[in-house]
PDB file of N, CA and C in Angstrom:
ATOM      1  N   MET A   1      96.152  95.197  98.378  1.00  0.00           N
ATOM      2  CA  MET A   1      95.779  94.778  99.715  1.00  0.00           C
ATOM      3  C   MET A   1      94.257  94.756  99.861  1.00  0.00           C
ATOM      4  N   TRP A   2      93.609  95.775  99.279  1.00  0.00           N
ATOM      5  CA  TRP A   2      92.158  95.846  99.409  1.00  0.00           C
ATOM      6  C   TRP A   2      91.501  94.605  98.822  1.00  0.00           C
ATOM      7  N   SER A   3      91.945  94.165  97.659  1.00  0.00           N
ATOM      8  CA  SER A   3      91.325  93.000  97.022  1.00  0.00           C
ATOM      9  C   SER A   3      91.447  91.761  97.897  1.00  0.00           C
ATOM     10  N   LEU A   4      92.597  91.589  98.524  1.00  0.00           N
ATOM     11  CA  LEU A   4      92.787  90.426  99.394  1.00  0.00           C
ATOM     12  C   LEU A   4      91.924  90.516 100.648  1.00  0.00           C
ATOM     13  N   SER A   5      91.816  91.697 101.227  1.00  0.00           N
ATOM     14  CA  SER A   5      90.957  91.820 102.416  1.00  0.00           C
ATOM     15  C   SER A   5      89.486  91.651 102.040  1.00  0.00           C
ATOM     16  N   TYR A   6      89.124  92.080 100.837  1.00  0.00           N
ATOM     17  CA  TYR A   6      87.761  91.860 100.344  1.00  0.00           C
ATOM     18  C   TYR A   6      87.498  90.358 100.215  1.00  0.00           C
ATOM     19  N   MET A   7      88.448  89.638  99.619  1.00  0.00           N
ATOM     20  CA  MET A   7      88.312  88.194  99.472  1.00  0.00           C
ATOM     21  C   MET A   7      88.215  87.512 100.837  1.00  0.00           C
ATOM     22  N   ALA A   8      88.950  88.038 101.804  1.00  0.00           N
ATOM     23  CA  ALA A   8      88.971  87.448 103.148  1.00  0.00           C
ATOM     24  C   ALA A   8      87.637  87.584 103.866  1.00  0.00           C
ATOM     25  N   SER A   9      86.786  88.471 103.387  1.00  0.00           N
ATOM     26  CA  SER A   9      85.486  88.662 104.038  1.00  0.00           C
ATOM     27  C   SER A   9      84.456  87.622 103.594  1.00  0.00           C
ATOM     28  N   PHE A  10      84.845  86.730 102.686  1.00  0.00           N
ATOM     29  CA  PHE A  10      83.970  85.664 102.197  1.00  0.00           C
ATOM     30  C   PHE A  10      84.481  84.316 102.705  1.00  0.00           C
ATOM     31  N   PRO A  11      83.652  83.274 102.627  1.00  0.00           N
ATOM     32  CA  PRO A  11      84.092  81.949 103.077  1.00  0.00           C
ATOM     33  C   PRO A  11      85.328  81.465 102.318  1.00  0.00           C
ATOM     34  N   LYS A  12      86.177  80.714 103.027  1.00  0.00           N
ATOM     35  CA  LYS A  12      87.401  80.177 102.433  1.00  0.00           C
ATOM     36  C   LYS A  12      87.061  79.322 101.212  1.00  0.00           C
ATOM     37  N   GLY A  13      87.841  79.477 100.179  1.00  0.00           N
ATOM     38  CA  GLY A  13      87.657  78.698  98.968  1.00  0.00           C
ATOM     39  C   GLY A  13      86.887  79.409  97.873  1.00  0.00           C
ATOM     40  N   LYS A  14      86.227  80.513  98.193  1.00  0.00           N
ATOM     41  CA  LYS A  14      85.487  81.252  97.172  1.00  0.00           C
ATOM     42  C   LYS A  14      86.464  81.787  96.137  1.00  0.00           C
ATOM     43  N   VAL A  15      86.113  81.575  94.867  1.00  0.00           N
ATOM     44  CA  VAL A  15      86.964  82.003  93.754  1.00  0.00           C
ATOM     45  C   VAL A  15      86.452  83.335  93.220  1.00  0.00           C
ATOM     46  N   PHE A  16      87.372  84.261  93.038  1.00  0.00           N
ATOM     47  CA  PHE A  16      87.042  85.598  92.534  1.00  0.00           C
ATOM     48  C   PHE A  16      87.718  85.824  91.196  1.00  0.00           C
ATOM     49  N   GLY A  17      86.934  86.245  90.217  1.00  0.00           N
ATOM     50  CA  GLY A  17      87.507  86.643  88.943  1.00  0.00           C
ATOM     51  C   GLY A  17      88.131  88.026  89.081  1.00  0.00           C
ATOM     52  N   LEU A  18      89.192  88.261  88.343  1.00  0.00           N
ATOM     53  CA  LEU A  18      89.854  89.561  88.432  1.00  0.00           C
ATOM     54  C   LEU A  18      88.971  90.690  87.922  1.00  0.00           C
ATOM     55  N   GLY A  19      88.067  90.372  87.009  1.00  0.00           N
ATOM     56  CA  GLY A  19      87.151  91.394  86.504  1.00  0.00           C
ATOM     57  C   GLY A  19      86.296  91.973  87.613  1.00  0.00           C
ATOM     58  N   VAL A  20      85.777  91.105  88.461  1.00  0.00           N
ATOM     59  CA  VAL A  20      84.943  91.547  89.588  1.00  0.00           C
ATOM     60  C   VAL A  20      85.765  92.393  90.550  1.00  0.00           C
ATOM     61  N   LEU A  21      86.952  91.913  90.892  1.00  0.00           N
ATOM     62  CA  LEU A  21      87.803  92.637  91.836  1.00  0.00           C
ATOM     63  C   LEU A  21      88.244  93.987  91.278  1.00  0.00           C
ATOM     64  N   SER A  22      88.566  94.014  89.993  1.00  0.00           N
ATOM     65  CA  SER A  22      89.025  95.282  89.402  1.00  0.00           C
ATOM     66  C   SER A  22      87.884  96.293  89.322  1.00  0.00           C
ATOM     67  N   GLN A  23      86.675  95.828  89.063  1.00  0.00           N
ATOM     68  CA  GLN A  23      85.524  96.736  89.004  1.00  0.00           C
ATOM     69  C   GLN A  23      85.169  97.279  90.389  1.00  0.00           C
ATOM     70  N   GLN A  24      85.330  96.458  91.414  1.00  0.00           N
ATOM     71  CA  GLN A  24      84.998  96.878  92.778  1.00  0.00           C
ATOM     72  C   GLN A  24      85.777  98.121  93.197  1.00  0.00           C
ATOM     73  N   ARG A  25      87.047  98.198  92.795  1.00  0.00           N
ATOM     74  CA  ARG A  25      87.902  99.310  93.219  1.00  0.00           C
ATOM     75  C   ARG A  25      88.374 100.180  92.056  1.00  0.00           C
ATOM     76  N   HIS A  26      87.831  99.938  90.884  1.00  0.00           N
ATOM     77  CA  HIS A  26      88.214 100.718  89.699  1.00  0.00           C
ATOM     78  C   HIS A  26      89.727 100.641  89.459  1.00  0.00           C
ATOM     79  N   ILE A  27      90.230  99.418  89.490  1.00  0.00           N
ATOM     80  CA  ILE A  27      91.650  99.146  89.254  1.00  0.00           C
ATOM     81  C   ILE A  27      91.760  98.403  87.933  1.00  0.00           C
ATOM     82  N   SER A  28      92.785  98.682  87.180  1.00  0.00           N
ATOM     83  CA  SER A  28      93.025  97.987  85.922  1.00  0.00           C
ATOM     84  C   SER A  28      93.151  96.481  86.178  1.00  0.00           C
ATOM     85  N   ALA A  29      92.424  95.691  85.402  1.00  0.00           N
ATOM     86  CA  ALA A  29      92.492  94.233  85.542  1.00  0.00           C
ATOM     87  C   ALA A  29      93.893  93.728  85.197  1.00  0.00           C
ATOM     88  N   ILE A  30      94.554  94.388  84.266  1.00  0.00           N
ATOM     89  CA  ILE A  30      95.917  93.997  83.884  1.00  0.00           C
ATOM     90  C   ILE A  30      96.870  94.217  85.061  1.00  0.00           C
ATOM     91  N   PHE A  31      96.745  95.373  85.707  1.00  0.00           N
ATOM     92  CA  PHE A  31      97.576  95.672  86.876  1.00  0.00           C
ATOM     93  C   PHE A  31      97.297  94.667  87.993  1.00  0.00           C
ATOM     94  N   LEU A  32      96.033  94.406  88.235  1.00  0.00           N
ATOM     95  CA  LEU A  32      95.645  93.471  89.288  1.00  0.00           C
ATOM     96  C   LEU A  32      96.162  92.061  88.999  1.00  0.00           C
ATOM     97  N   ARG A  33      96.136  91.661  87.736  1.00  0.00           N
ATOM     98  CA  ARG A  33      96.647  90.338  87.352  1.00  0.00           C
ATOM     99  C   ARG A  33      98.131  90.222  87.710  1.00  0.00           C
ATOM    100  N   LYS A  34      98.902  91.268  87.450  1.00  0.00           N
ATOM    101  CA  LYS A  34     100.334  91.240  87.772  1.00  0.00           C
ATOM    102  C   LYS A  34     100.551  91.101  89.281  1.00  0.00           C
ATOM    103  N   ILE A  35      99.750  91.815  90.050  1.00  0.00           N
ATOM    104  CA  ILE A  35      99.849  91.730  91.510  1.00  0.00           C
ATOM    105  C   ILE A  35      99.492  90.317  91.980  1.00  0.00           C
ATOM    106  N   PHE A  36      98.405  89.773  91.439  1.00  0.00           N
ATOM    107  CA  PHE A  36      97.960  88.446  91.871  1.00  0.00           C
ATOM    108  C   PHE A  36      98.925  87.350  91.436  1.00  0.00           C
ATOM    109  N   GLN A  37      99.610  87.528  90.330  1.00  0.00           N
ATOM    110  CA  GLN A  37     100.633  86.558  89.940  1.00  0.00           C
ATOM    111  C   GLN A  37     101.754  86.524  90.972  1.00  0.00           C
ATOM    112  N   LYS A  38     102.116  87.693  91.486  1.00  0.00           N
ATOM    113  CA  LYS A  38     103.175  87.759  92.501  1.00  0.00           C
ATOM    114  C   LYS A  38     102.734  87.109  93.809  1.00  0.00           C
ATOM    115  N   VAL A  39     101.524  87.404  94.254  1.00  0.00           N
ATOM    116  CA  VAL A  39     101.080  86.809  95.521  1.00  0.00           C
ATOM    117  C   VAL A  39     100.799  85.315  95.371  1.00  0.00           C
ATOM    118  N   ALA A  40     100.460  84.883  94.159  1.00  0.00           N
ATOM    119  CA  ALA A  40     100.271  83.447  93.914  1.00  0.00           C
ATOM    120  C   ALA A  40     101.606  82.706  94.029  1.00  0.00           C
ATOM    121  N   LYS A  41     102.684  83.326  93.560  1.00  0.00           N
ATOM    122  CA  LYS A  41     104.009  82.697  93.661  1.00  0.00           C
ATOM    123  C   LYS A  41     104.425  82.491  95.110  1.00  0.00           C
ATOM    124  N   LYS A  42     103.908  83.314  96.005  1.00  0.00           N
ATOM    125  CA  LYS A  42     104.227  83.202  97.432  1.00  0.00           C
ATOM    126  C   LYS A  42     103.161  82.407  98.189  1.00  0.00           C
ATOM    127  N   ASN A  43     102.279  81.738  97.443  1.00  0.00           N
ATOM    128  CA  ASN A  43     101.223  80.889  98.020  1.00  0.00           C
ATOM    129  C   ASN A  43     100.285  81.630  98.963  1.00  0.00           C
ATOM    130  N   ILE A  44     100.010  82.877  98.642  1.00  0.00           N
ATOM    131  CA  ILE A  44      99.022  83.641  99.394  1.00  0.00           C
ATOM    132  C   ILE A  44      97.646  83.412  98.775  1.00  0.00           C
ATOM    133  N   VAL A  45      97.617  83.257  97.457  1.00  0.00           N
ATOM    134  CA  VAL A  45      96.384  82.922  96.744  1.00  0.00           C
ATOM    135  C   VAL A  45      96.648  81.727  95.841  1.00  0.00           C
ATOM    136  N   HIS A  46      95.569  81.035  95.490  1.00  0.00           N
ATOM    137  CA  HIS A  46      95.623  79.960  94.501  1.00  0.00           C
ATOM    138  C   HIS A  46      94.997  80.480  93.218  1.00  0.00           C
ATOM    139  N   SER A  47      95.567  80.070  92.114  1.00  0.00           N
ATOM    140  CA  SER A  47      95.033  80.423  90.807  1.00  0.00           C
ATOM    141  C   SER A  47      94.161  79.273  90.312  1.00  0.00           C
ATOM    142  N   HIS A  48      92.992  79.607  89.777  1.00  0.00           N
ATOM    143  CA  HIS A  48      92.068  78.600  89.250  1.00  0.00           C
ATOM    144  C   HIS A  48      91.843  78.896  87.773  1.00  0.00           C
ATOM    145  N   ARG A  49      92.062  77.912  86.950  1.00  0.00           N
ATOM    146  CA  ARG A  49      91.900  78.091  85.501  1.00  0.00           C
ATOM    147  C   ARG A  49      90.493  77.713  85.060  1.00  0.00           C
ATOM    148  N   GLY A  50      90.196  78.089  83.840  1.00  0.00           N
ATOM    149  CA  GLY A  50      88.930  77.688  83.252  1.00  0.00           C
ATOM    150  C   GLY A  50      87.885  78.778  83.239  1.00  0.00           C
ATOM    151  N   ARG A  51      86.715  78.394  82.766  1.00  0.00           N
ATOM    152  CA  ARG A  51      85.615  79.336  82.585  1.00  0.00           C
ATOM    153  C   ARG A  51      85.252  80.061  83.884  1.00  0.00           C
ATOM    154  N   TYR A  52      85.264  79.353  84.977  1.00  0.00           N
ATOM    155  CA  TYR A  52      84.933  79.950  86.269  1.00  0.00           C
ATOM    156  C   TYR A  52      86.197  80.161  87.108  1.00  0.00           C
ATOM    157  N   GLY A  53      87.285  80.396  86.422  1.00  0.00           N
ATOM    158  CA  GLY A  53      88.572  80.575  87.089  1.00  0.00           C
ATOM    159  C   GLY A  53      88.705  81.916  87.780  1.00  0.00           C
ATOM    160  N   GLY A  54      89.825  82.065  88.416  1.00  0.00           N
ATOM    161  CA  GLY A  54      90.125  83.288  89.148  1.00  0.00           C
ATOM    162  C   GLY A  54      91.104  82.967  90.256  1.00  0.00           C
ATOM    163  N   PHE A  55      90.908  83.601  91.391  1.00  0.00           N
ATOM    164  CA  PHE A  55      91.814  83.412  92.516  1.00  0.00           C
ATOM    165  C   PHE A  55      91.027  83.211  93.804  1.00  0.00           C
ATOM    166  N   SER A  56      91.610  82.407  94.687  1.00  0.00           N
ATOM    167  CA  SER A  56      91.056  82.227  96.031  1.00  0.00           C
ATOM    168  C   SER A  56      92.208  82.330  97.022  1.00  0.00           C
ATOM    169  N   LEU A  57      91.893  82.653  98.256  1.00  0.00           N
ATOM    170  CA  LEU A  57      92.934  82.702  99.276  1.00  0.00           C
ATOM    171  C   LEU A  57      93.476  81.296  99.508  1.00  0.00           C
ATOM    172  N   ALA A  58      94.776  81.188  99.675  1.00  0.00           N
ATOM    173  CA  ALA A  58      95.413  79.887  99.850  1.00  0.00           C
ATOM    174  C   ALA A  58      95.340  79.382 101.288  1.00  0.00           C
ATOM    175  N   CYS A  59      95.100  80.280 102.225  1.00  0.00           N
ATOM    176  CA  CYS A  59      94.978  79.870 103.624  1.00  0.00           C
ATOM    177  C   CYS A  59      94.039  80.815 104.355  1.00  0.00           C
ATOM    178  N   LYS A  60      93.876  80.585 105.627  1.00  0.00           N
ATOM    179  CA  LYS A  60      92.954  81.400 106.422  1.00  0.00           C
ATOM    180  C   LYS A  60      93.431  82.853 106.465  1.00  0.00           C
ATOM    181  N   PRO A  61      92.501  83.806 106.470  1.00  0.00           N
ATOM    182  CA  PRO A  61      92.877  85.217 106.569  1.00  0.00           C
ATOM    183  C   PRO A  61      93.713  85.530 107.815  1.00  0.00           C
ATOM    184  N   SER A  62      93.529  84.757 108.869  1.00  0.00           N
ATOM    185  CA  SER A  62      94.305  84.973 110.099  1.00  0.00           C
ATOM    186  C   SER A  62      95.764  84.548 109.941  1.00  0.00           C
ATOM    187  N   GLU A  63      96.064  83.829 108.860  1.00  0.00           N
ATOM    188  CA  GLU A  63      97.425  83.344 108.618  1.00  0.00           C
ATOM    189  C   GLU A  63      98.173  84.174 107.578  1.00  0.00           C
ATOM    190  N   ILE A  64      97.526  85.205 107.039  1.00  0.00           N
ATOM    191  CA  ILE A  64      98.156  86.046 106.015  1.00  0.00           C
ATOM    192  C   ILE A  64      98.388  87.429 106.610  1.00  0.00           C
ATOM    193  N   SER A  65      99.648  87.776 106.800  1.00  0.00           N
ATOM    194  CA  SER A  65      99.964  89.078 107.392  1.00  0.00           C
ATOM    195  C   SER A  65     100.148  90.140 106.305  1.00  0.00           C
ATOM    196  N   VAL A  66     100.020  91.378 106.723  1.00  0.00           N
ATOM    197  CA  VAL A  66     100.268  92.497 105.814  1.00  0.00           C
ATOM    198  C   VAL A  66     101.709  92.424 105.308  1.00  0.00           C
ATOM    199  N   LYS A  67     102.624  92.023 106.174  1.00  0.00           N
ATOM    200  CA  LYS A  67     104.029  91.879 105.775  1.00  0.00           C
ATOM    201  C   LYS A  67     104.169  90.846 104.660  1.00  0.00           C
ATOM    202  N   ASP A  68     103.468  89.723 104.769  1.00  0.00           N
ATOM    203  CA  ASP A  68     103.511  88.694 103.727  1.00  0.00           C
ATOM    204  C   ASP A  68     103.112  89.278 102.376  1.00  0.00           C
ATOM    205  N   VAL A  69     102.044  90.047 102.372  1.00  0.00           N
ATOM    206  CA  VAL A  69     101.520  90.608 101.124  1.00  0.00           C
ATOM    207  C   VAL A  69     102.480  91.645 100.556  1.00  0.00           C
ATOM    208  N   ILE A  70     102.940  92.555 101.392  1.00  0.00           N
ATOM    209  CA  ILE A  70     103.863  93.593 100.916  1.00  0.00           C
ATOM    210  C   ILE A  70     105.120  92.963 100.339  1.00  0.00           C
ATOM    211  N   GLU A  71     105.686  91.996 101.043  1.00  0.00           N
ATOM    212  CA  GLU A  71     106.914  91.365 100.568  1.00  0.00           C
ATOM    213  C   GLU A  71     106.689  90.555  99.300  1.00  0.00           C
ATOM    214  N   ALA A  72     105.524  89.973  99.142  1.00  0.00           N
ATOM    215  CA  ALA A  72     105.221  89.237  97.916  1.00  0.00           C
ATOM    216  C   ALA A  72     105.172  90.173  96.716  1.00  0.00           C
ATOM    217  N   VAL A  73     104.651  91.369  96.926  1.00  0.00           N
ATOM    218  CA  VAL A  73     104.467  92.317  95.826  1.00  0.00           C
ATOM    219  C   VAL A  73     105.726  93.119  95.537  1.00  0.00           C
ATOM    220  N   GLN A  74     106.395  93.614  96.571  1.00  0.00           N
ATOM    221  CA  GLN A  74     107.509  94.524  96.308  1.00  0.00           C
ATOM    222  C   GLN A  74     108.840  94.127  96.940  1.00  0.00           C
ATOM    223  N   GLY A  75     108.910  92.987  97.582  1.00  0.00           N
ATOM    224  CA  GLY A  75     110.161  92.562  98.198  1.00  0.00           C
ATOM    225  C   GLY A  75     110.234  92.958  99.664  1.00  0.00           C
ATOM    226  N   SER A  76     111.392  92.774 100.232  1.00  0.00           N
ATOM    227  CA  SER A  76     111.591  93.031 101.663  1.00  0.00           C
ATOM    228  C   SER A  76     111.265  94.464 102.051  1.00  0.00           C
ATOM    229  N   VAL A  77     110.715  94.593 103.235  1.00  0.00           N
ATOM    230  CA  VAL A  77     110.420  95.910 103.797  1.00  0.00           C
ATOM    231  C   VAL A  77     111.632  96.305 104.634  1.00  0.00           C
ATOM    232  N   VAL A  78     112.474  97.172 104.073  1.00  0.00           N
ATOM    233  CA  VAL A  78     113.696  97.590 104.749  1.00  0.00           C
ATOM    234  C   VAL A  78     113.797  99.109 104.685  1.00  0.00           C
ATOM    235  N   LEU A  79     114.002  99.738 105.832  1.00  0.00           N
ATOM    236  CA  LEU A  79     114.090 101.194 105.894  1.00  0.00           C
ATOM    237  C   LEU A  79     115.335 101.738 105.206  1.00  0.00           C
ATOM    238  N   ASN A  80     116.445 101.002 105.302  1.00  0.00           N
ATOM    239  CA  ASN A  80     117.696 101.453 104.713  1.00  0.00           C
ATOM    240  C   ASN A  80     118.522 100.230 104.360  1.00  0.00           C
ATOM    241  N   LYS A  81     119.263 100.300 103.263  1.00  0.00           N
ATOM    242  CA  LYS A  81     120.029  99.132 102.832  1.00  0.00           C
ATOM    243  C   LYS A  81     121.080  98.709 103.850  1.00  0.00           C
ATOM    244  N   CYS A  82     121.483  99.625 104.741  1.00  0.00           N
ATOM    245  CA  CYS A  82     122.483  99.256 105.752  1.00  0.00           C
ATOM    246  C   CYS A  82     121.931  98.240 106.752  1.00  0.00           C
ATOM    247  N   LEU A  83     120.630  98.048 106.764  1.00  0.00           N
ATOM    248  CA  LEU A  83     120.017  97.099 107.693  1.00  0.00           C
ATOM    249  C   LEU A  83     119.941  95.682 107.131  1.00  0.00           C
ATOM    250  N   THR A  84     120.323  95.510 105.882  1.00  0.00           N
ATOM    251  CA  THR A  84     120.308  94.174 105.283  1.00  0.00           C
ATOM    252  C   THR A  84     121.598  93.445 105.628  1.00  0.00           C
ATOM    253  N   CYS A  85     121.541  92.138 105.655  1.00  0.00           N
ATOM    254  CA  CYS A  85     122.719  91.351 106.023  1.00  0.00           C
ATOM    255  C   CYS A  85     123.795  91.382 104.935  1.00  0.00           C
ATOM    256  N   HIS A  86     123.435  91.776 103.715  1.00  0.00           N
ATOM    257  CA  HIS A  86     124.391  91.785 102.605  1.00  0.00           C
ATOM    258  C   HIS A  86     125.181  93.082 102.508  1.00  0.00           C
ATOM    259  N   TYR A  87     124.770  94.085 103.248  1.00  0.00           N
ATOM    260  CA  TYR A  87     125.414  95.395 103.146  1.00  0.00           C
ATOM    261  C   TYR A  87     126.583  95.490 104.120  1.00  0.00           C
ATOM    262  N   GLN A  88     127.744  95.835 103.610  1.00  0.00           N
ATOM    263  CA  GLN A  88     128.943  95.992 104.435  1.00  0.00           C
ATOM    264  C   GLN A  88     129.269  97.470 104.570  1.00  0.00           C
ATOM    265  N   CYS A  89     129.212  97.978 105.775  1.00  0.00           N
ATOM    266  CA  CYS A  89     129.517  99.379 106.034  1.00  0.00           C
ATOM    267  C   CYS A  89     130.686  99.450 107.013  1.00  0.00           C
ATOM    268  N   PRO A  90     131.689 100.260 106.706  1.00  0.00           N
ATOM    269  CA  PRO A  90     132.840 100.353 107.611  1.00  0.00           C
ATOM    270  C   PRO A  90     132.483 100.955 108.978  1.00  0.00           C
ATOM    271  N   LYS A  91     131.387 101.675 109.072  1.00  0.00           N
ATOM    272  CA  LYS A  91     130.991 102.309 110.336  1.00  0.00           C
ATOM    273  C   LYS A  91     129.850 101.555 111.029  1.00  0.00           C
ATOM    274  N   GLU A  92     129.631 100.337 110.611  1.00  0.00           N
ATOM    275  CA  GLU A  92     128.501  99.554 111.106  1.00  0.00           C
ATOM    276  C   GLU A  92     128.422  99.489 112.636  1.00  0.00           C
ATOM    277  N   ARG A  93     129.525  99.291 113.298  1.00  0.00           N
ATOM    278  CA  ARG A  93     129.527  99.113 114.757  1.00  0.00           C
ATOM    279  C   ARG A  93     129.358 100.417 115.528  1.00  0.00           C
ATOM    280  N   THR A  94     129.690 101.537 114.920  1.00  0.00           N
ATOM    281  CA  THR A  94     129.642 102.811 115.642  1.00  0.00           C
ATOM    282  C   THR A  94     128.553 103.756 115.148  1.00  0.00           C
ATOM    283  N   CYS A  95     127.838 103.386 114.135  1.00  0.00           N
ATOM    284  CA  CYS A  95     126.835 104.272 113.529  1.00  0.00           C
ATOM    285  C   CYS A  95     125.578 104.330 114.401  1.00  0.00           C
ATOM    286  N   THR A  96     125.307 105.491 114.949  1.00  0.00           N
ATOM    287  CA  THR A  96     124.120 105.644 115.795  1.00  0.00           C
ATOM    288  C   THR A  96     122.837 105.638 114.973  1.00  0.00           C
ATOM    289  N   LEU A  97     122.903 106.141 113.739  1.00  0.00           N
ATOM    290  CA  LEU A  97     121.723 106.135 112.878  1.00  0.00           C
ATOM    291  C   LEU A  97     121.295 104.701 112.586  1.00  0.00           C
ATOM    292  N   ARG A  98     122.261 103.846 112.298  1.00  0.00           N
ATOM    293  CA  ARG A  98     121.954 102.438 112.009  1.00  0.00           C
ATOM    294  C   ARG A  98     121.280 101.776 113.209  1.00  0.00           C
ATOM    295  N   LYS A  99     121.769 102.083 114.403  1.00  0.00           N
ATOM    296  CA  LYS A  99     121.176 101.497 115.609  1.00  0.00           C
ATOM    297  C   LYS A  99     119.728 101.958 115.779  1.00  0.00           C
ATOM    298  N   CYS A 100     119.488 103.243 115.561  1.00  0.00           N
ATOM    299  CA  CYS A 100     118.119 103.777 115.670  1.00  0.00           C
ATOM    300  C   CYS A 100     117.208 103.168 114.612  1.00  0.00           C
ATOM    301  N   LEU A 101     117.702 103.127 113.374  1.00  0.00           N
ATOM    302  CA  LEU A 101     116.904 102.549 112.293  1.00  0.00           C
ATOM    303  C   LEU A 101     116.640 101.073 112.540  1.00  0.00           C
ATOM    304  N   GLY A 102     117.607 100.385 113.129  1.00  0.00           N
ATOM    305  CA  GLY A 102     117.431  98.971 113.451  1.00  0.00           C
ATOM    306  C   GLY A 102     116.282  98.747 114.420  1.00  0.00           C
ATOM    307  N   LYS A 103     116.169  99.608 115.420  1.00  0.00           N
ATOM    308  CA  LYS A 103     115.064  99.506 116.379  1.00  0.00           C
ATOM    309  C   LYS A 103     113.723  99.767 115.698  1.00  0.00           C
ATOM    310  N   ILE A 104     113.703 100.793 114.854  1.00  0.00           N
ATOM    311  CA  ILE A 104     112.470 101.113 114.122  1.00  0.00           C
ATOM    312  C   ILE A 104     112.103  99.967 113.189  1.00  0.00           C
ATOM    313  N   GLN A 105     113.111  99.391 112.522  1.00  0.00           N
ATOM    314  CA  GLN A 105     112.887  98.278 111.601  1.00  0.00           C
ATOM    315  C   GLN A 105     112.263  97.087 112.330  1.00  0.00           C
ATOM    316  N   LYS A 106     112.775  96.768 113.493  1.00  0.00           N
ATOM    317  CA  LYS A 106     112.233  95.639 114.267  1.00  0.00           C
ATOM    318  C   LYS A 106     110.772  95.879 114.636  1.00  0.00           C
ATOM    319  N   GLU A 107     110.465  97.100 115.056  1.00  0.00           N
ATOM    320  CA  GLU A 107     109.087  97.424 115.436  1.00  0.00           C
ATOM    321  C   GLU A 107     108.166  97.403 114.218  1.00  0.00           C
ATOM    322  N   LEU A 108     108.636  97.945 113.104  1.00  0.00           N
ATOM    323  CA  LEU A 108     107.848  97.936 111.867  1.00  0.00           C
ATOM    324  C   LEU A 108     107.548  96.503 111.440  1.00  0.00           C
ATOM    325  N   THR A 109     108.563  95.671 111.446  1.00  0.00           N
ATOM    326  CA  THR A 109     108.394  94.265 111.068  1.00  0.00           C
ATOM    327  C   THR A 109     107.400  93.573 111.998  1.00  0.00           C
ATOM    328  N   ARG A 110     107.526  93.829 113.289  1.00  0.00           N
ATOM    329  CA  ARG A 110     106.614  93.225 114.267  1.00  0.00           C
ATOM    330  C   ARG A 110     105.173  93.657 114.009  1.00  0.00           C
ATOM    331  N   GLN A 111     104.972  94.940 113.782  1.00  0.00           N
ATOM    332  CA  GLN A 111     103.624  95.458 113.536  1.00  0.00           C
ATOM    333  C   GLN A 111     103.031  94.884 112.251  1.00  0.00           C
ATOM    334  N   LEU A 112     103.811  94.861 111.182  1.00  0.00           N
ATOM    335  CA  LEU A 112     103.308  94.331 109.909  1.00  0.00           C
ATOM    336  C   LEU A 112     102.997  92.842 110.004  1.00  0.00           C
ATOM    337  N   ASN A 113     103.755  92.121 110.815  1.00  0.00           N
ATOM    338  CA  ASN A 113     103.474  90.696 111.038  1.00  0.00           C
ATOM    339  C   ASN A 113     102.208  90.489 111.853  1.00  0.00           C
ATOM    340  N   ASN A 114     101.922  91.412 112.747  1.00  0.00           N
ATOM    341  CA  ASN A 114     100.763  91.271 113.633  1.00  0.00           C
ATOM    342  C   ASN A 114      99.439  91.635 112.977  1.00  0.00           C
ATOM    343  N   ILE A 115      99.478  92.396 111.907  1.00  0.00           N
ATOM    344  CA  ILE A 115      98.238  92.772 111.216  1.00  0.00           C
ATOM    345  C   ILE A 115      97.965  91.731 110.135  1.00  0.00           C
ATOM    346  N   THR A 116      96.815  91.079 110.238  1.00  0.00           N
ATOM    347  CA  THR A 116      96.451  90.045 109.267  1.00  0.00           C
ATOM    348  C   THR A 116      95.259  90.501 108.430  1.00  0.00           C
ATOM    349  N   LEU A 117      94.983  89.739 107.390  1.00  0.00           N
ATOM    350  CA  LEU A 117      93.786  90.032 106.590  1.00  0.00           C
ATOM    351  C   LEU A 117      92.537  89.932 107.458  1.00  0.00           C
ATOM    352  N   GLU A 118      92.548  89.017 108.397  1.00  0.00           N
ATOM    353  CA  GLU A 118      91.407  88.886 109.308  1.00  0.00           C
ATOM    354  C   GLU A 118      91.208  90.184 110.100  1.00  0.00           C
ATOM    355  N   ASN A 119      92.297  90.764 110.591  1.00  0.00           N
ATOM    356  CA  ASN A 119      92.210  92.042 111.316  1.00  0.00           C
ATOM    357  C   ASN A 119      91.596  93.123 110.439  1.00  0.00           C
ATOM    358  N   LEU A 120      92.014  93.182 109.182  1.00  0.00           N
ATOM    359  CA  LEU A 120      91.499  94.199 108.263  1.00  0.00           C
ATOM    360  C   LEU A 120      90.001  94.024 108.026  1.00  0.00           C
ATOM    361  N   VAL A 121      89.566  92.772 107.893  1.00  0.00           N
ATOM    362  CA  VAL A 121      88.137  92.497 107.693  1.00  0.00           C
ATOM    363  C   VAL A 121      87.345  92.928 108.923  1.00  0.00           C
ATOM    364  N   LEU A 122      87.841  92.594 110.095  1.00  0.00           N
ATOM    365  CA  LEU A 122      87.145  92.964 111.332  1.00  0.00           C
ATOM    366  C   LEU A 122      87.063  94.480 111.491  1.00  0.00           C
ATOM    367  N   GLU A 123      88.105  95.195 111.116  1.00  0.00           N
ATOM    368  CA  GLU A 123      88.087  96.656 111.205  1.00  0.00           C
ATOM    369  C   GLU A 123      87.113  97.266 110.204  1.00  0.00           C
ATOM    370  N   GLN A 124      86.966  96.639 109.038  1.00  0.00           N
ATOM    371  CA  GLN A 124      86.014  97.137 108.035  1.00  0.00           C
ATOM    372  C   GLN A 124      84.586  97.028 108.553  1.00  0.00           C
ATOM    373  N   LYS A 125      84.313  95.988 109.342  1.00  0.00           N
ATOM    374  CA  LYS A 125      82.958  95.754 109.838  1.00  0.00           C
ATOM    375  C   LYS A 125      82.581  96.697 110.970  1.00  0.00           C
ATOM    376  N   GLU A 126      83.569  97.294 111.619  1.00  0.00           N
ATOM    377  CA  GLU A 126      83.286  98.188 112.760  1.00  0.00           C
ATOM    378  C   GLU A 126      82.800  99.538 112.305  1.00  0.00           C
TER     379      GLU A 126
END
């Protein structure tokens, strides 16, 4: 997340090599490459080949939510598997825990959608 918010603090279209990003936060370039491959598949970043290659943000920082990034890297953000549409539970209609978790899940999803890379950049500047 830090690398993407760092990229968001520069003009759109700027290409960043993974070496620079990995050195900035002392993160393995190999690890960072795996993360960026995942976010590239979700069109959060564009990959640029060649001598001056690297990655750039695919859209405006205001259009990339924290939820988008988390889901690109690790999949759906779900508090419990009973909240997924594929899970069949015999106590689904009467389970009070599921109802409570469902409310928390909705709020979590809303909050993660509302926080964008632009928000993170603005908070860093304060």
